[in-house]
Amino acid sequence: MHWNTSSDCCWRHVREIGFLGAFALILSLSSALAQKTQTISYKNGDTYMGSVRDDKREGQGTYTFKDGAKYVGEWKNDKREGQGMLTFPSGVQYSGEFANDAFHGQGTYTFANGDVYEGTWRKGKRHGQGTLTYTSGASYVGEWANDRREGKGIYIFADGKKHTGTWLNDKREGKGTVEYPDGSRYAGNWQNDKRHGQGTWIFPDGSRYVGEWRSQ
C-alpha cells in the first residue's frame, strides 16, 4: 500500500477533522504519553498501582496501606482528588469526593458499627447538609458544622419521638418541638440538650401547660 506523505495530504486530513479537533487530539495524545501506569512499593510497606505523571500520582490509581486499608480512585498532583473510595479492615468506608487528600464535597461514610452518614464534607469533616442513620433506628437529617450537628435539623429517636429545631455543638439549643408517639408534644426553648425557658406542653387529651422550664 502506498501512503501519500505530502504536505497537501496532511493538510487535507486536518481540514477534515477541523483545526479545533486536531488541536484537541494533539493535547490528548500528549497527555497520554506523559501519563504512564506504574506499580510503586514504598519503604513503609504501602503500595501504589496506577497512573503516574512527572513522578507524581495522577489520574486513576489504587493505594494499598500496609495495615490493609485501601484507596481506589482519582489522584491529582500526588494527592487524592476527585471521586474515590477509602476502605479499612475495621469495616469503615468512605465513598465520594476528595480534595487535597481529604473528604470534601458529597460523600457517604459508613462507621464500623454500621451507622451511615450521607451528605456534604469540608476538609475532612461533616459540614453542610447531611443525614446520619443509626443502626438503632434513629436518624438525624439537617445541618452540620465542623463534624457536629449545628443549625436546623430533625432527629427521629428509635422509640418514635421526633425533635424538630435548632442545634448547637451537637446538642439541641434554641427553639425546638418534640412530638411523642402517644400524641403529646412540647414546643419551646432548649438549652444544652434540655428543655429550658418558655415552653408549652400539650397532652394527648388536648390540655396543656404553658410556663417556664429549668434544665438540671
N, C-alpha and C. Protein backbone atom coordinates (compact mmCIF):
# COMPACT_ATOMS: atom_id res chain seq x y z
N MET A 1 0.86 -1.20 0.00
CA MET A 1 0.00 0.00 0.00
C MET A 1 0.89 1.24 0.00
N HIS A 2 0.52 2.21 -0.79
CA HIS A 2 1.31 3.44 -0.90
C HIS A 2 0.67 4.55 -0.08
N TRP A 3 1.43 5.15 0.84
CA TRP A 3 0.95 6.25 1.68
C TRP A 3 1.42 7.56 1.11
N ASN A 4 0.51 8.50 0.96
CA ASN A 4 0.84 9.83 0.47
C ASN A 4 1.30 10.66 1.66
N THR A 5 2.57 10.99 1.70
CA THR A 5 3.13 11.74 2.83
C THR A 5 3.33 13.20 2.50
N SER A 6 2.74 13.67 1.43
CA SER A 6 2.91 15.07 1.04
C SER A 6 2.22 15.99 2.01
N SER A 7 2.65 17.24 2.07
CA SER A 7 2.04 18.23 2.96
C SER A 7 0.59 18.46 2.60
N ASP A 8 0.24 18.35 1.29
CA ASP A 8 -1.14 18.54 0.87
C ASP A 8 -2.04 17.51 1.52
N CYS A 9 -1.54 16.29 1.61
CA CYS A 9 -2.34 15.21 2.22
C CYS A 9 -2.56 15.49 3.70
N CYS A 10 -1.52 15.92 4.40
CA CYS A 10 -1.62 16.21 5.84
C CYS A 10 -2.64 17.30 6.09
N TRP A 11 -2.57 18.37 5.28
CA TRP A 11 -3.50 19.48 5.49
C TRP A 11 -4.93 19.08 5.13
N ARG A 12 -5.06 18.16 4.16
CA ARG A 12 -6.41 17.70 3.81
C ARG A 12 -7.05 17.00 5.00
N HIS A 13 -6.27 16.18 5.74
CA HIS A 13 -6.80 15.48 6.92
C HIS A 13 -7.12 16.45 8.04
N VAL A 14 -6.30 17.47 8.18
CA VAL A 14 -6.55 18.48 9.20
C VAL A 14 -7.86 19.19 8.92
N ARG A 15 -8.06 19.53 7.63
CA ARG A 15 -9.30 20.21 7.27
C ARG A 15 -10.51 19.31 7.53
N GLU A 16 -10.35 18.00 7.36
CA GLU A 16 -11.47 17.07 7.54
C GLU A 16 -11.93 17.01 9.00
N ILE A 17 -10.99 17.01 9.92
CA ILE A 17 -11.39 16.90 11.33
C ILE A 17 -11.52 18.27 11.99
N GLY A 18 -11.06 19.30 11.31
CA GLY A 18 -11.17 20.64 11.86
C GLY A 18 -9.97 21.01 12.69
N PHE A 19 -9.65 22.28 12.70
CA PHE A 19 -8.47 22.74 13.45
C PHE A 19 -8.62 22.48 14.95
N LEU A 20 -9.82 22.76 15.50
CA LEU A 20 -10.02 22.54 16.93
C LEU A 20 -9.92 21.08 17.29
N GLY A 21 -10.47 20.23 16.43
CA GLY A 21 -10.39 18.80 16.69
C GLY A 21 -8.97 18.30 16.66
N ALA A 22 -8.18 18.81 15.73
CA ALA A 22 -6.79 18.41 15.62
C ALA A 22 -6.01 18.84 16.85
N PHE A 23 -6.29 20.06 17.30
CA PHE A 23 -5.59 20.58 18.48
C PHE A 23 -5.93 19.74 19.71
N ALA A 24 -7.23 19.40 19.86
CA ALA A 24 -7.66 18.58 21.00
C ALA A 24 -7.02 17.20 20.95
N LEU A 25 -6.89 16.65 19.73
CA LEU A 25 -6.27 15.35 19.55
C LEU A 25 -4.80 15.38 19.95
N ILE A 26 -4.12 16.44 19.57
CA ILE A 26 -2.70 16.59 19.92
C ILE A 26 -2.54 16.66 21.44
N LEU A 27 -3.41 17.45 22.09
CA LEU A 27 -3.34 17.57 23.54
C LEU A 27 -3.61 16.23 24.21
N SER A 28 -4.59 15.51 23.70
CA SER A 28 -4.94 14.21 24.26
C SER A 28 -3.79 13.23 24.14
N LEU A 29 -3.15 13.21 22.96
CA LEU A 29 -2.02 12.31 22.75
C LEU A 29 -0.85 12.69 23.64
N SER A 30 -0.62 13.98 23.80
CA SER A 30 0.47 14.45 24.66
C SER A 30 0.24 14.03 26.10
N SER A 31 -1.03 14.16 26.54
CA SER A 31 -1.37 13.79 27.92
C SER A 31 -1.18 12.30 28.13
N ALA A 32 -1.61 11.51 27.14
CA ALA A 32 -1.49 10.06 27.25
C ALA A 32 -0.03 9.63 27.31
N LEU A 33 0.80 10.30 26.51
CA LEU A 33 2.21 9.97 26.51
C LEU A 33 2.89 10.36 27.81
N ALA A 34 2.43 11.47 28.40
CA ALA A 34 3.03 11.95 29.66
C ALA A 34 2.64 11.05 30.83
N GLN A 35 1.44 10.46 30.76
CA GLN A 35 0.97 9.58 31.82
C GLN A 35 1.38 8.15 31.54
N LYS A 36 1.72 7.44 32.60
CA LYS A 36 2.08 6.03 32.45
C LYS A 36 1.62 5.29 33.70
N THR A 37 1.41 4.00 33.55
CA THR A 37 0.97 3.17 34.66
C THR A 37 2.17 2.52 35.32
N GLN A 38 2.22 2.64 36.64
CA GLN A 38 3.35 2.09 37.39
C GLN A 38 2.86 1.39 38.66
N THR A 39 3.69 0.52 39.15
CA THR A 39 3.48 -0.08 40.48
C THR A 39 4.64 0.37 41.35
N ILE A 40 4.32 1.04 42.45
CA ILE A 40 5.35 1.59 43.33
C ILE A 40 5.23 0.95 44.71
N SER A 41 6.33 0.46 45.22
CA SER A 41 6.39 -0.10 46.58
C SER A 41 7.17 0.87 47.47
N TYR A 42 6.56 1.25 48.59
CA TYR A 42 7.19 2.20 49.49
C TYR A 42 7.89 1.49 50.65
N LYS A 43 8.84 2.18 51.25
CA LYS A 43 9.63 1.60 52.34
C LYS A 43 8.78 1.21 53.55
N ASN A 44 7.65 1.92 53.75
CA ASN A 44 6.80 1.62 54.90
C ASN A 44 5.87 0.43 54.67
N GLY A 45 5.95 -0.18 53.48
CA GLY A 45 5.12 -1.34 53.19
C GLY A 45 3.89 -1.05 52.36
N ASP A 46 3.58 0.24 52.11
CA ASP A 46 2.45 0.62 51.28
C ASP A 46 2.80 0.39 49.80
N THR A 47 1.76 0.25 48.97
CA THR A 47 1.98 0.11 47.53
C THR A 47 0.98 0.98 46.75
N TYR A 48 1.40 1.40 45.58
CA TYR A 48 0.52 2.17 44.68
C TYR A 48 0.60 1.56 43.29
N MET A 49 -0.56 1.37 42.67
CA MET A 49 -0.61 0.89 41.31
C MET A 49 -1.58 1.77 40.53
N GLY A 50 -1.05 2.48 39.54
CA GLY A 50 -1.91 3.36 38.76
C GLY A 50 -1.14 4.34 37.92
N SER A 51 -1.82 5.40 37.53
CA SER A 51 -1.24 6.39 36.63
C SER A 51 -0.25 7.29 37.38
N VAL A 52 0.83 7.62 36.67
CA VAL A 52 1.87 8.50 37.22
C VAL A 52 2.26 9.50 36.14
N ARG A 53 2.45 10.73 36.54
CA ARG A 53 2.93 11.77 35.63
C ARG A 53 3.96 12.61 36.36
N ASP A 54 5.12 12.78 35.75
CA ASP A 54 6.21 13.57 36.34
C ASP A 54 6.53 13.08 37.75
N ASP A 55 6.56 11.74 37.91
CA ASP A 55 6.89 11.09 39.18
C ASP A 55 5.88 11.38 40.29
N LYS A 56 4.65 11.78 39.91
CA LYS A 56 3.60 12.02 40.89
C LYS A 56 2.37 11.21 40.51
N ARG A 57 1.63 10.77 41.52
CA ARG A 57 0.38 10.04 41.26
C ARG A 57 -0.62 11.00 40.62
N GLU A 58 -1.12 10.61 39.45
CA GLU A 58 -2.01 11.48 38.68
C GLU A 58 -2.94 10.62 37.83
N GLY A 59 -4.26 10.84 38.00
CA GLY A 59 -5.22 10.04 37.26
C GLY A 59 -5.83 8.97 38.15
N GLN A 60 -6.09 7.80 37.56
CA GLN A 60 -6.72 6.71 38.31
C GLN A 60 -5.66 5.83 38.95
N GLY A 61 -5.89 5.46 40.21
CA GLY A 61 -4.91 4.61 40.87
C GLY A 61 -5.42 3.98 42.15
N THR A 62 -4.73 2.93 42.59
CA THR A 62 -5.07 2.22 43.83
C THR A 62 -3.89 2.27 44.79
N TYR A 63 -4.16 2.76 46.01
CA TYR A 63 -3.12 2.83 47.03
C TYR A 63 -3.52 1.88 48.15
N THR A 64 -2.65 0.90 48.43
CA THR A 64 -2.92 -0.08 49.47
C THR A 64 -1.96 0.16 50.64
N PHE A 65 -2.53 0.37 51.82
CA PHE A 65 -1.71 0.61 53.01
C PHE A 65 -1.26 -0.72 53.61
N LYS A 66 -0.19 -0.66 54.34
CA LYS A 66 0.37 -1.86 54.97
C LYS A 66 -0.63 -2.52 55.91
N ASP A 67 -1.47 -1.70 56.58
CA ASP A 67 -2.43 -2.25 57.54
C ASP A 67 -3.69 -2.83 56.90
N GLY A 68 -3.77 -2.78 55.57
CA GLY A 68 -4.91 -3.36 54.87
C GLY A 68 -5.90 -2.34 54.35
N ALA A 69 -5.79 -1.09 54.76
CA ALA A 69 -6.67 -0.04 54.23
C ALA A 69 -6.35 0.17 52.75
N LYS A 70 -7.35 0.61 51.98
CA LYS A 70 -7.15 0.77 50.54
C LYS A 70 -7.94 1.96 50.00
N TYR A 71 -7.29 2.72 49.13
CA TYR A 71 -7.96 3.81 48.41
C TYR A 71 -7.95 3.49 46.93
N VAL A 72 -9.13 3.56 46.31
CA VAL A 72 -9.26 3.34 44.87
C VAL A 72 -9.96 4.57 44.29
N GLY A 73 -9.29 5.27 43.39
CA GLY A 73 -9.93 6.46 42.85
C GLY A 73 -8.98 7.37 42.12
N GLU A 74 -9.35 8.64 42.08
CA GLU A 74 -8.62 9.63 41.30
C GLU A 74 -7.55 10.35 42.13
N TRP A 75 -6.50 10.76 41.43
CA TRP A 75 -5.38 11.48 42.04
C TRP A 75 -5.05 12.71 41.21
N LYS A 76 -4.52 13.70 41.90
CA LYS A 76 -4.03 14.89 41.21
C LYS A 76 -2.86 15.47 42.00
N ASN A 77 -1.76 15.64 41.34
CA ASN A 77 -0.57 16.22 41.95
C ASN A 77 -0.17 15.47 43.23
N ASP A 78 -0.22 14.13 43.15
CA ASP A 78 0.22 13.24 44.22
C ASP A 78 -0.74 13.17 45.42
N LYS A 79 -1.96 13.74 45.26
CA LYS A 79 -2.94 13.70 46.35
C LYS A 79 -4.27 13.15 45.85
N ARG A 80 -5.06 12.60 46.78
CA ARG A 80 -6.39 12.12 46.41
C ARG A 80 -7.27 13.31 46.05
N GLU A 81 -7.80 13.27 44.85
CA GLU A 81 -8.58 14.40 44.34
C GLU A 81 -9.60 13.88 43.33
N GLY A 82 -10.88 14.17 43.58
CA GLY A 82 -11.93 13.69 42.70
C GLY A 82 -12.73 12.58 43.37
N GLN A 83 -13.25 11.66 42.57
CA GLN A 83 -14.05 10.57 43.09
C GLN A 83 -13.15 9.42 43.57
N GLY A 84 -13.53 8.83 44.72
CA GLY A 84 -12.74 7.71 45.21
C GLY A 84 -13.44 6.97 46.33
N MET A 85 -12.86 5.83 46.69
CA MET A 85 -13.38 5.03 47.80
C MET A 85 -12.22 4.62 48.70
N LEU A 86 -12.39 4.88 50.01
CA LEU A 86 -11.38 4.52 51.00
C LEU A 86 -12.00 3.51 51.95
N THR A 87 -11.38 2.34 52.08
CA THR A 87 -11.90 1.29 52.94
C THR A 87 -10.86 0.88 53.97
N PHE A 88 -11.34 0.43 55.14
CA PHE A 88 -10.48 -0.01 56.23
C PHE A 88 -10.86 -1.42 56.65
N PRO A 89 -9.92 -2.19 57.18
CA PRO A 89 -10.22 -3.56 57.63
C PRO A 89 -11.31 -3.61 58.71
N SER A 90 -11.49 -2.52 59.45
CA SER A 90 -12.49 -2.47 60.52
C SER A 90 -13.92 -2.44 59.98
N GLY A 91 -14.06 -2.18 58.67
CA GLY A 91 -15.38 -2.05 58.07
C GLY A 91 -15.75 -0.62 57.76
N VAL A 92 -14.95 0.33 58.26
CA VAL A 92 -15.17 1.74 57.95
C VAL A 92 -14.94 1.96 56.46
N GLN A 93 -15.81 2.76 55.85
CA GLN A 93 -15.70 3.02 54.41
C GLN A 93 -16.20 4.42 54.07
N TYR A 94 -15.46 5.07 53.19
CA TYR A 94 -15.91 6.36 52.65
C TYR A 94 -15.93 6.26 51.14
N SER A 95 -17.04 6.71 50.56
CA SER A 95 -17.16 6.73 49.10
C SER A 95 -17.70 8.09 48.68
N GLY A 96 -16.93 8.79 47.86
CA GLY A 96 -17.38 10.12 47.46
C GLY A 96 -16.26 10.97 46.93
N GLU A 97 -16.39 12.27 47.15
CA GLU A 97 -15.44 13.23 46.61
C GLU A 97 -14.30 13.53 47.59
N PHE A 98 -13.13 13.74 47.00
CA PHE A 98 -11.93 14.12 47.75
C PHE A 98 -11.38 15.42 47.18
N ALA A 99 -10.70 16.18 48.03
CA ALA A 99 -9.97 17.37 47.58
C ALA A 99 -8.78 17.57 48.51
N ASN A 100 -7.61 17.70 47.93
CA ASN A 100 -6.40 17.94 48.70
C ASN A 100 -6.19 16.85 49.76
N ASP A 101 -6.46 15.60 49.36
CA ASP A 101 -6.22 14.43 50.21
C ASP A 101 -7.24 14.24 51.34
N ALA A 102 -8.34 15.00 51.34
CA ALA A 102 -9.33 14.90 52.42
C ALA A 102 -10.73 14.72 51.85
N PHE A 103 -11.66 14.20 52.69
CA PHE A 103 -13.06 14.13 52.28
C PHE A 103 -13.56 15.56 52.04
N HIS A 104 -14.10 15.80 50.87
CA HIS A 104 -14.53 17.16 50.56
C HIS A 104 -15.54 17.11 49.43
N GLY A 105 -16.77 17.60 49.70
CA GLY A 105 -17.84 17.54 48.72
C GLY A 105 -18.89 16.55 49.19
N GLN A 106 -19.51 15.85 48.24
CA GLN A 106 -20.53 14.86 48.57
C GLN A 106 -19.88 13.52 48.85
N GLY A 107 -20.33 12.86 49.94
CA GLY A 107 -19.76 11.56 50.24
C GLY A 107 -20.58 10.79 51.25
N THR A 108 -20.38 9.48 51.26
CA THR A 108 -21.05 8.58 52.19
C THR A 108 -20.02 7.88 53.05
N TYR A 109 -20.20 7.99 54.37
CA TYR A 109 -19.26 7.39 55.32
C TYR A 109 -19.99 6.35 56.15
N THR A 110 -19.46 5.12 56.12
CA THR A 110 -20.02 4.04 56.92
C THR A 110 -19.10 3.76 58.10
N PHE A 111 -19.65 3.87 59.31
CA PHE A 111 -18.87 3.64 60.52
C PHE A 111 -18.71 2.14 60.78
N ALA A 112 -17.78 1.80 61.65
CA ALA A 112 -17.52 0.39 61.96
C ALA A 112 -18.74 -0.30 62.56
N ASN A 113 -19.58 0.46 63.29
CA ASN A 113 -20.75 -0.13 63.93
C ASN A 113 -21.97 -0.19 63.00
N GLY A 114 -21.81 0.30 61.77
CA GLY A 114 -22.90 0.24 60.81
C GLY A 114 -23.66 1.53 60.61
N ASP A 115 -23.43 2.54 61.47
CA ASP A 115 -24.05 3.85 61.26
C ASP A 115 -23.57 4.43 59.92
N VAL A 116 -24.43 5.20 59.26
CA VAL A 116 -24.08 5.74 57.94
C VAL A 116 -24.40 7.23 57.88
N TYR A 117 -23.40 8.01 57.46
CA TYR A 117 -23.60 9.44 57.19
C TYR A 117 -23.52 9.64 55.69
N GLU A 118 -24.51 10.36 55.15
CA GLU A 118 -24.53 10.69 53.73
C GLU A 118 -24.81 12.18 53.58
N GLY A 119 -23.86 12.89 52.98
CA GLY A 119 -24.05 14.33 52.84
C GLY A 119 -22.78 15.03 52.42
N THR A 120 -22.66 16.29 52.80
CA THR A 120 -21.53 17.10 52.38
C THR A 120 -20.41 17.10 53.43
N TRP A 121 -19.20 17.28 52.92
CA TRP A 121 -17.98 17.31 53.74
C TRP A 121 -17.17 18.54 53.39
N ARG A 122 -16.39 19.01 54.36
CA ARG A 122 -15.46 20.10 54.11
C ARG A 122 -14.17 19.84 54.87
N LYS A 123 -13.09 19.67 54.14
CA LYS A 123 -11.76 19.45 54.72
C LYS A 123 -11.76 18.30 55.72
N GLY A 124 -12.41 17.20 55.36
CA GLY A 124 -12.37 16.01 56.19
C GLY A 124 -13.42 15.92 57.27
N LYS A 125 -14.31 16.93 57.35
CA LYS A 125 -15.33 16.93 58.39
C LYS A 125 -16.72 17.09 57.78
N ARG A 126 -17.73 16.54 58.48
CA ARG A 126 -19.11 16.72 58.03
C ARG A 126 -19.48 18.20 58.17
N HIS A 127 -19.91 18.78 57.08
CA HIS A 127 -20.18 20.22 57.07
C HIS A 127 -21.18 20.53 55.97
N GLY A 128 -22.32 21.12 56.37
CA GLY A 128 -23.37 21.41 55.40
C GLY A 128 -24.58 20.53 55.67
N GLN A 129 -25.26 20.12 54.61
CA GLN A 129 -26.46 19.30 54.75
C GLN A 129 -26.09 17.82 54.73
N GLY A 130 -26.66 17.06 55.69
CA GLY A 130 -26.35 15.64 55.72
C GLY A 130 -27.33 14.84 56.54
N THR A 131 -27.31 13.53 56.32
CA THR A 131 -28.18 12.60 57.03
C THR A 131 -27.34 11.53 57.72
N LEU A 132 -27.57 11.36 59.02
CA LEU A 132 -26.89 10.31 59.78
C LEU A 132 -27.94 9.29 60.21
N THR A 133 -27.78 8.06 59.75
CA THR A 133 -28.71 6.99 60.08
C THR A 133 -28.02 6.00 61.01
N TYR A 134 -28.62 5.78 62.17
CA TYR A 134 -28.05 4.89 63.19
C TYR A 134 -28.61 3.48 63.05
N THR A 135 -27.81 2.50 63.44
CA THR A 135 -28.27 1.12 63.41
C THR A 135 -29.39 0.88 64.41
N SER A 136 -29.52 1.75 65.40
CA SER A 136 -30.58 1.63 66.40
C SER A 136 -31.95 1.94 65.83
N GLY A 137 -31.96 2.58 64.66
CA GLY A 137 -33.21 3.00 64.05
C GLY A 137 -33.43 4.50 64.12
N ALA A 138 -32.60 5.19 64.89
CA ALA A 138 -32.67 6.64 65.00
C ALA A 138 -32.03 7.27 63.76
N SER A 139 -32.34 8.56 63.51
CA SER A 139 -31.74 9.25 62.38
C SER A 139 -31.77 10.76 62.62
N TYR A 140 -30.82 11.44 62.00
CA TYR A 140 -30.77 12.91 62.03
C TYR A 140 -30.64 13.40 60.60
N VAL A 141 -31.49 14.35 60.23
CA VAL A 141 -31.44 14.97 58.91
C VAL A 141 -31.36 16.48 59.11
N GLY A 142 -30.28 17.08 58.65
CA GLY A 142 -30.17 18.52 58.84
C GLY A 142 -28.78 19.05 58.58
N GLU A 143 -28.48 20.15 59.25
CA GLU A 143 -27.24 20.88 59.01
C GLU A 143 -26.12 20.44 59.96
N TRP A 144 -24.90 20.53 59.44
CA TRP A 144 -23.70 20.16 60.20
C TRP A 144 -22.66 21.27 60.08
N ALA A 145 -21.79 21.35 61.09
CA ALA A 145 -20.66 22.29 61.04
C ALA A 145 -19.50 21.69 61.80
N ASN A 146 -18.37 21.53 61.14
CA ASN A 146 -17.15 21.01 61.76
C ASN A 146 -17.39 19.69 62.48
N ASP A 147 -18.08 18.78 61.80
CA ASP A 147 -18.30 17.41 62.27
C ASP A 147 -19.34 17.29 63.39
N ARG A 148 -20.11 18.37 63.63
CA ARG A 148 -21.14 18.34 64.68
C ARG A 148 -22.48 18.80 64.11
N ARG A 149 -23.57 18.32 64.72
CA ARG A 149 -24.88 18.82 64.33
C ARG A 149 -24.99 20.28 64.75
N GLU A 150 -25.26 21.12 63.79
CA GLU A 150 -25.34 22.56 64.07
C GLU A 150 -26.21 23.24 63.02
N GLY A 151 -27.25 23.96 63.51
CA GLY A 151 -28.20 24.58 62.61
C GLY A 151 -29.55 23.90 62.72
N LYS A 152 -30.33 23.93 61.65
CA LYS A 152 -31.66 23.33 61.66
C LYS A 152 -31.58 21.84 61.35
N GLY A 153 -32.38 21.07 62.11
CA GLY A 153 -32.37 19.65 61.85
C GLY A 153 -33.55 18.92 62.47
N ILE A 154 -33.75 17.69 62.02
CA ILE A 154 -34.80 16.82 62.56
C ILE A 154 -34.15 15.53 63.04
N TYR A 155 -34.40 15.21 64.32
CA TYR A 155 -33.86 13.97 64.89
C TYR A 155 -35.04 13.06 65.24
N ILE A 156 -35.03 11.86 64.67
CA ILE A 156 -36.06 10.87 64.98
C ILE A 156 -35.43 9.81 65.86
N PHE A 157 -35.95 9.65 67.05
CA PHE A 157 -35.42 8.68 68.00
C PHE A 157 -35.90 7.26 67.64
N ALA A 158 -35.19 6.27 68.16
CA ALA A 158 -35.53 4.89 67.88
C ALA A 158 -36.92 4.53 68.40
N ASP A 159 -37.38 5.21 69.47
CA ASP A 159 -38.70 4.91 70.04
C ASP A 159 -39.83 5.67 69.36
N GLY A 160 -39.50 6.46 68.33
CA GLY A 160 -40.53 7.16 67.57
C GLY A 160 -40.67 8.64 67.86
N LYS A 161 -40.03 9.14 68.91
CA LYS A 161 -40.07 10.58 69.19
C LYS A 161 -39.40 11.33 68.03
N LYS A 162 -39.87 12.55 67.78
CA LYS A 162 -39.27 13.38 66.73
C LYS A 162 -39.02 14.79 67.23
N HIS A 163 -37.77 15.22 67.15
CA HIS A 163 -37.41 16.58 67.54
C HIS A 163 -37.10 17.38 66.29
N THR A 164 -37.77 18.53 66.16
CA THR A 164 -37.53 19.44 65.04
C THR A 164 -37.11 20.79 65.61
N GLY A 165 -35.94 21.25 65.25
CA GLY A 165 -35.48 22.52 65.82
C GLY A 165 -34.05 22.83 65.44
N THR A 166 -33.41 23.64 66.27
CA THR A 166 -32.03 24.07 66.01
C THR A 166 -31.07 23.35 66.94
N TRP A 167 -29.81 23.25 66.46
CA TRP A 167 -28.76 22.54 67.18
C TRP A 167 -27.54 23.43 67.29
N LEU A 168 -26.78 23.21 68.35
CA LEU A 168 -25.53 23.93 68.54
C LEU A 168 -24.53 23.00 69.21
N ASN A 169 -23.38 22.83 68.58
CA ASN A 169 -22.32 22.00 69.14
C ASN A 169 -22.82 20.59 69.48
N ASP A 170 -23.59 20.03 68.56
CA ASP A 170 -24.10 18.66 68.66
C ASP A 170 -25.23 18.47 69.67
N LYS A 171 -25.81 19.59 70.18
CA LYS A 171 -26.88 19.49 71.16
C LYS A 171 -28.06 20.38 70.76
N ARG A 172 -29.26 20.02 71.24
CA ARG A 172 -30.44 20.83 70.97
C ARG A 172 -30.32 22.16 71.70
N GLU A 173 -30.53 23.23 70.96
CA GLU A 173 -30.34 24.58 71.52
C GLU A 173 -31.27 25.54 70.79
N GLY A 174 -31.98 26.40 71.57
CA GLY A 174 -32.89 27.36 70.96
C GLY A 174 -34.28 26.78 70.82
N LYS A 175 -34.99 27.20 69.78
CA LYS A 175 -36.36 26.76 69.57
C LYS A 175 -36.41 25.32 69.07
N GLY A 176 -37.35 24.56 69.64
CA GLY A 176 -37.49 23.18 69.18
C GLY A 176 -38.81 22.56 69.62
N THR A 177 -39.27 21.60 68.85
CA THR A 177 -40.52 20.90 69.14
C THR A 177 -40.28 19.41 69.15
N VAL A 178 -40.79 18.75 70.21
CA VAL A 178 -40.71 17.30 70.29
C VAL A 178 -42.11 16.72 70.22
N GLU A 179 -42.29 15.77 69.31
CA GLU A 179 -43.56 15.06 69.18
C GLU A 179 -43.37 13.63 69.68
N TYR A 180 -44.27 13.18 70.57
CA TYR A 180 -44.16 11.86 71.18
C TYR A 180 -45.16 10.89 70.54
N PRO A 181 -44.85 9.60 70.57
CA PRO A 181 -45.75 8.60 69.96
C PRO A 181 -47.16 8.59 70.56
N ASP A 182 -47.31 9.02 71.83
CA ASP A 182 -48.64 8.99 72.46
C ASP A 182 -49.49 10.21 72.08
N GLY A 183 -48.94 11.11 71.25
CA GLY A 183 -49.69 12.27 70.81
C GLY A 183 -49.37 13.55 71.57
N SER A 184 -48.61 13.45 72.65
CA SER A 184 -48.22 14.65 73.39
C SER A 184 -47.10 15.37 72.65
N ARG A 185 -46.91 16.64 73.03
CA ARG A 185 -45.93 17.45 72.31
C ARG A 185 -45.41 18.57 73.20
N TYR A 186 -44.13 18.85 73.05
CA TYR A 186 -43.54 20.00 73.73
C TYR A 186 -42.98 20.94 72.68
N ALA A 187 -43.30 22.22 72.81
CA ALA A 187 -42.77 23.24 71.90
C ALA A 187 -42.24 24.39 72.74
N GLY A 188 -40.97 24.70 72.57
CA GLY A 188 -40.40 25.78 73.37
C GLY A 188 -38.90 25.87 73.23
N ASN A 189 -38.28 26.42 74.25
CA ASN A 189 -36.84 26.66 74.24
C ASN A 189 -36.06 25.47 74.80
N TRP A 190 -34.84 25.35 74.28
CA TRP A 190 -33.92 24.29 74.72
C TRP A 190 -32.56 24.91 75.03
N GLN A 191 -31.88 24.29 75.98
CA GLN A 191 -30.53 24.74 76.32
C GLN A 191 -29.70 23.52 76.72
N ASN A 192 -28.58 23.36 76.06
CA ASN A 192 -27.67 22.26 76.37
C ASN A 192 -28.38 20.91 76.32
N ASP A 193 -29.22 20.72 75.31
CA ASP A 193 -29.93 19.47 75.04
C ASP A 193 -31.11 19.19 75.99
N LYS A 194 -31.52 20.22 76.79
CA LYS A 194 -32.63 20.03 77.72
C LYS A 194 -33.65 21.16 77.58
N ARG A 195 -34.89 20.87 77.97
CA ARG A 195 -35.92 21.92 77.96
C ARG A 195 -35.52 23.00 78.97
N HIS A 196 -35.55 24.25 78.50
CA HIS A 196 -35.12 25.34 79.37
C HIS A 196 -35.72 26.65 78.85
N GLY A 197 -36.44 27.36 79.72
CA GLY A 197 -37.06 28.62 79.33
C GLY A 197 -38.54 28.45 79.06
N GLN A 198 -39.09 29.31 78.25
CA GLN A 198 -40.52 29.30 77.95
C GLN A 198 -40.88 28.12 77.05
N GLY A 199 -41.98 27.43 77.43
CA GLY A 199 -42.40 26.30 76.62
C GLY A 199 -43.84 25.92 76.86
N THR A 200 -44.37 25.10 75.95
CA THR A 200 -45.74 24.62 76.06
C THR A 200 -45.77 23.11 75.93
N TRP A 201 -46.40 22.46 76.91
CA TRP A 201 -46.57 21.01 76.85
C TRP A 201 -48.03 20.73 76.56
N ILE A 202 -48.26 20.02 75.45
CA ILE A 202 -49.63 19.66 75.07
C ILE A 202 -49.82 18.17 75.32
N PHE A 203 -50.80 17.83 76.13
CA PHE A 203 -51.07 16.44 76.49
C PHE A 203 -51.92 15.76 75.41
N PRO A 204 -51.97 14.41 75.41
CA PRO A 204 -52.75 13.69 74.39
C PRO A 204 -54.22 14.08 74.35
N ASP A 205 -54.80 14.49 75.50
CA ASP A 205 -56.22 14.85 75.53
C ASP A 205 -56.46 16.29 75.08
N GLY A 206 -55.38 17.03 74.73
CA GLY A 206 -55.51 18.40 74.27
C GLY A 206 -55.27 19.45 75.32
N SER A 207 -55.26 19.05 76.60
CA SER A 207 -54.94 20.01 77.66
C SER A 207 -53.47 20.40 77.55
N ARG A 208 -53.12 21.53 78.17
CA ARG A 208 -51.75 22.00 78.01
C ARG A 208 -51.24 22.72 79.25
N TYR A 209 -49.93 22.74 79.33
CA TYR A 209 -49.25 23.53 80.35
C TYR A 209 -48.35 24.52 79.62
N VAL A 210 -48.48 25.80 79.99
CA VAL A 210 -47.65 26.85 79.42
C VAL A 210 -46.88 27.49 80.56
N GLY A 211 -45.58 27.51 80.45
CA GLY A 211 -44.80 28.11 81.52
C GLY A 211 -43.31 28.01 81.31
N GLU A 212 -42.57 28.11 82.40
CA GLU A 212 -41.11 28.12 82.37
C GLU A 212 -40.58 26.72 82.71
N TRP A 213 -39.46 26.40 82.07
CA TRP A 213 -38.78 25.15 82.35
C TRP A 213 -37.34 25.47 82.72
N ARG A 214 -36.78 24.63 83.59
CA ARG A 214 -35.39 24.80 84.01
C ARG A 214 -34.65 23.49 83.83
N SER A 215 -33.55 23.52 83.11
CA SER A 215 -32.75 22.31 82.95
C SER A 215 -31.97 22.04 84.23
N GLN A 216 -31.71 20.80 84.47
CA GLN A 216 -30.99 20.40 85.69
C GLN A 216 -29.69 19.73 85.34
